[in-house]
Amino acid sequence: MDKLTATVETPNASRYLQQLFKHWSHRFETEFTPERGTLSFSDDQRLAATASDSALTLVVEAPGDKVEGLAKVVEEHLLRFAFREDLTVSWA
């Protein structure tokens, strides 16, 4: 299982965390609070997120051939929800 992490500077981290997890909660198993969340896309693909006052940290885990695609899906959804901000998402 490979892992990618992104820390996104934003004062709206909690709002975006909740939007992401509510959006996917009708299709996938999710658990979240305003400060943190976990989501299982499948048995081998997961998202974890943590919100602070100034940043949203995203961690995706998936097999090597799928991890970058999963990160891209998460990033695209975040950027759609945060259209009023010019966010920078850098995965490492």
C-alpha atoms as a PDB file:
ATOM      1  CA  MET A   1       0.000   0.000   0.000  1.00  0.00           C
ATOM      2  CA  ASP A   2       1.394   3.409  -0.998  1.00  0.00           C
ATOM      3  CA  LYS A   3       0.581   6.720   0.649  1.00  0.00           C
ATOM      4  CA  LEU A   4       0.494  10.346  -0.529  1.00  0.00           C
ATOM      5  CA  THR A   5       0.015  13.339   1.753  1.00  0.00           C
ATOM      6  CA  ALA A   6      -0.974  16.938   1.010  1.00  0.00           C
ATOM      7  CA  THR A   7      -1.242  19.878   3.392  1.00  0.00           C
ATOM      8  CA  VAL A   8      -3.480  22.611   1.996  1.00  0.00           C
ATOM      9  CA  GLU A   9      -3.272  26.046   3.608  1.00  0.00           C
ATOM     10  CA  THR A  10      -6.796  27.414   4.157  1.00  0.00           C
ATOM     11  CA  PRO A  11      -8.750  29.011   6.997  1.00  0.00           C
ATOM     12  CA  ASN A  12     -11.745  26.928   5.833  1.00  0.00           C
ATOM     13  CA  ALA A  13     -10.204  23.506   6.417  1.00  0.00           C
ATOM     14  CA  SER A  14     -13.016  22.195   8.608  1.00  0.00           C
ATOM     15  CA  ARG A  15     -15.688  23.304   6.152  1.00  0.00           C
ATOM     16  CA  TYR A  16     -13.963  21.550   3.249  1.00  0.00           C
ATOM     17  CA  LEU A  17     -13.330  18.400   5.278  1.00  0.00           C
ATOM     18  CA  GLN A  18     -17.021  18.160   6.115  1.00  0.00           C
ATOM     19  CA  GLN A  19     -18.068  18.874   2.515  1.00  0.00           C
ATOM     20  CA  LEU A  20     -15.785  16.154   1.161  1.00  0.00           C
ATOM     21  CA  PHE A  21     -16.968  13.534   3.621  1.00  0.00           C
ATOM     22  CA  LYS A  22     -20.664  14.415   3.367  1.00  0.00           C
ATOM     23  CA  HIS A  23     -20.379  14.291  -0.418  1.00  0.00           C
ATOM     24  CA  TRP A  24     -19.018  10.750  -0.350  1.00  0.00           C
ATOM     25  CA  SER A  25     -21.017   9.463   2.646  1.00  0.00           C
ATOM     26  CA  HIS A  26     -23.916   8.285   0.480  1.00  0.00           C
ATOM     27  CA  ARG A  27     -21.631   5.923  -1.492  1.00  0.00           C
ATOM     28  CA  PHE A  28     -18.817   4.979   0.877  1.00  0.00           C
ATOM     29  CA  GLU A  29     -18.196   4.180   4.519  1.00  0.00           C
ATOM     30  CA  THR A  30     -17.223   7.439   6.238  1.00  0.00           C
ATOM     31  CA  GLU A  31     -16.620   8.659   9.767  1.00  0.00           C
ATOM     32  CA  PHE A  32     -15.948  12.324  10.407  1.00  0.00           C
ATOM     33  CA  THR A  33     -16.087  15.224  12.812  1.00  0.00           C
ATOM     34  CA  PRO A  34     -15.298  18.871  12.027  1.00  0.00           C
ATOM     35  CA  GLU A  35     -11.633  18.132  12.866  1.00  0.00           C
ATOM     36  CA  ARG A  36     -10.919  14.730  11.263  1.00  0.00           C
ATOM     37  CA  GLY A  37     -12.329  12.067   9.021  1.00  0.00           C
ATOM     38  CA  THR A  38     -11.710   8.664   7.467  1.00  0.00           C
ATOM     39  CA  LEU A  39     -13.233   7.216   4.343  1.00  0.00           C
ATOM     40  CA  SER A  40     -12.921   3.798   2.688  1.00  0.00           C
ATOM     41  CA  PHE A  41     -13.397   3.916  -1.068  1.00  0.00           C
ATOM     42  CA  SER A  42     -12.732   0.160  -1.143  1.00  0.00           C
ATOM     43  CA  ASP A  43     -10.810  -2.453   0.840  1.00  0.00           C
ATOM     44  CA  ASP A  44      -7.531  -1.077  -0.480  1.00  0.00           C
ATOM     45  CA  GLN A  45      -8.220   2.643  -1.057  1.00  0.00           C
ATOM     46  CA  ARG A  46      -8.619   5.091   1.824  1.00  0.00           C
ATOM     47  CA  LEU A  47      -8.667   8.795   2.629  1.00  0.00           C
ATOM     48  CA  ALA A  48      -7.876  10.354   5.997  1.00  0.00           C
ATOM     49  CA  ALA A  49      -8.140  14.083   6.656  1.00  0.00           C
ATOM     50  CA  THR A  50      -7.365  16.444   9.506  1.00  0.00           C
ATOM     51  CA  ALA A  51      -8.454  20.075   9.765  1.00  0.00           C
ATOM     52  CA  SER A  52      -6.725  22.751  11.819  1.00  0.00           C
ATOM     53  CA  ASP A  53      -7.412  26.478  11.984  1.00  0.00           C
ATOM     54  CA  SER A  54      -5.052  27.093   9.071  1.00  0.00           C
ATOM     55  CA  ALA A  55      -4.724  23.902   7.011  1.00  0.00           C
ATOM     56  CA  LEU A  56      -6.355  20.731   5.743  1.00  0.00           C
ATOM     57  CA  THR A  57      -4.127  17.653   5.693  1.00  0.00           C
ATOM     58  CA  LEU A  58      -5.140  14.866   3.319  1.00  0.00           C
ATOM     59  CA  VAL A  59      -3.659  11.363   3.262  1.00  0.00           C
ATOM     60  CA  VAL A  60      -4.613   8.855   0.564  1.00  0.00           C
ATOM     61  CA  GLU A  61      -3.599   5.199   0.682  1.00  0.00           C
ATOM     62  CA  ALA A  62      -3.896   2.773  -2.205  1.00  0.00           C
ATOM     63  CA  PRO A  63      -1.860   0.203  -4.122  1.00  0.00           C
ATOM     64  CA  GLY A  64       0.997   1.771  -6.099  1.00  0.00           C
ATOM     65  CA  ASP A  65      -0.793   1.818  -9.450  1.00  0.00           C
ATOM     66  CA  LYS A  66      -3.887   3.507  -7.971  1.00  0.00           C
ATOM     67  CA  VAL A  67      -2.582   5.989  -5.394  1.00  0.00           C
ATOM     68  CA  GLU A  68      -1.946   8.893  -7.784  1.00  0.00           C
ATOM     69  CA  GLY A  69      -5.371   8.494  -9.395  1.00  0.00           C
ATOM     70  CA  LEU A  70      -7.050   8.511  -5.984  1.00  0.00           C
ATOM     71  CA  ALA A  71      -5.119  11.638  -4.988  1.00  0.00           C
ATOM     72  CA  LYS A  72      -6.247  13.341  -8.197  1.00  0.00           C
ATOM     73  CA  VAL A  73      -9.921  12.505  -7.514  1.00  0.00           C
ATOM     74  CA  VAL A  74      -9.695  13.872  -3.955  1.00  0.00           C
ATOM     75  CA  GLU A  75      -7.913  17.013  -5.176  1.00  0.00           C
ATOM     76  CA  GLU A  76     -10.461  17.664  -7.938  1.00  0.00           C
ATOM     77  CA  HIS A  77     -13.346  17.412  -5.479  1.00  0.00           C
ATOM     78  CA  LEU A  78     -11.616  19.702  -2.965  1.00  0.00           C
ATOM     79  CA  LEU A  79     -10.906  22.326  -5.614  1.00  0.00           C
ATOM     80  CA  ARG A  80     -14.518  22.185  -6.778  1.00  0.00           C
ATOM     81  CA  PHE A  81     -15.759  22.837  -3.231  1.00  0.00           C
ATOM     82  CA  ALA A  82     -13.170  25.593  -2.695  1.00  0.00           C
ATOM     83  CA  PHE A  83     -13.815  27.492  -5.930  1.00  0.00           C
ATOM     84  CA  ARG A  84     -13.747  30.822  -4.076  1.00  0.00           C
ATOM     85  CA  GLU A  85     -10.136  30.231  -2.995  1.00  0.00           C
ATOM     86  CA  ASP A  86      -6.967  29.726  -4.977  1.00  0.00           C
ATOM     87  CA  LEU A  87      -5.776  26.604  -3.160  1.00  0.00           C
ATOM     88  CA  THR A  88      -2.494  24.855  -3.789  1.00  0.00           C
ATOM     89  CA  VAL A  89      -2.502  21.079  -3.367  1.00  0.00           C
ATOM     90  CA  SER A  90       0.909  19.421  -3.505  1.00  0.00           C
ATOM     91  CA  TRP A  91       1.085  15.670  -2.931  1.00  0.00           C
ATOM     92  CA  ALA A  92       4.225  14.053  -1.528  1.00  0.00           C
END
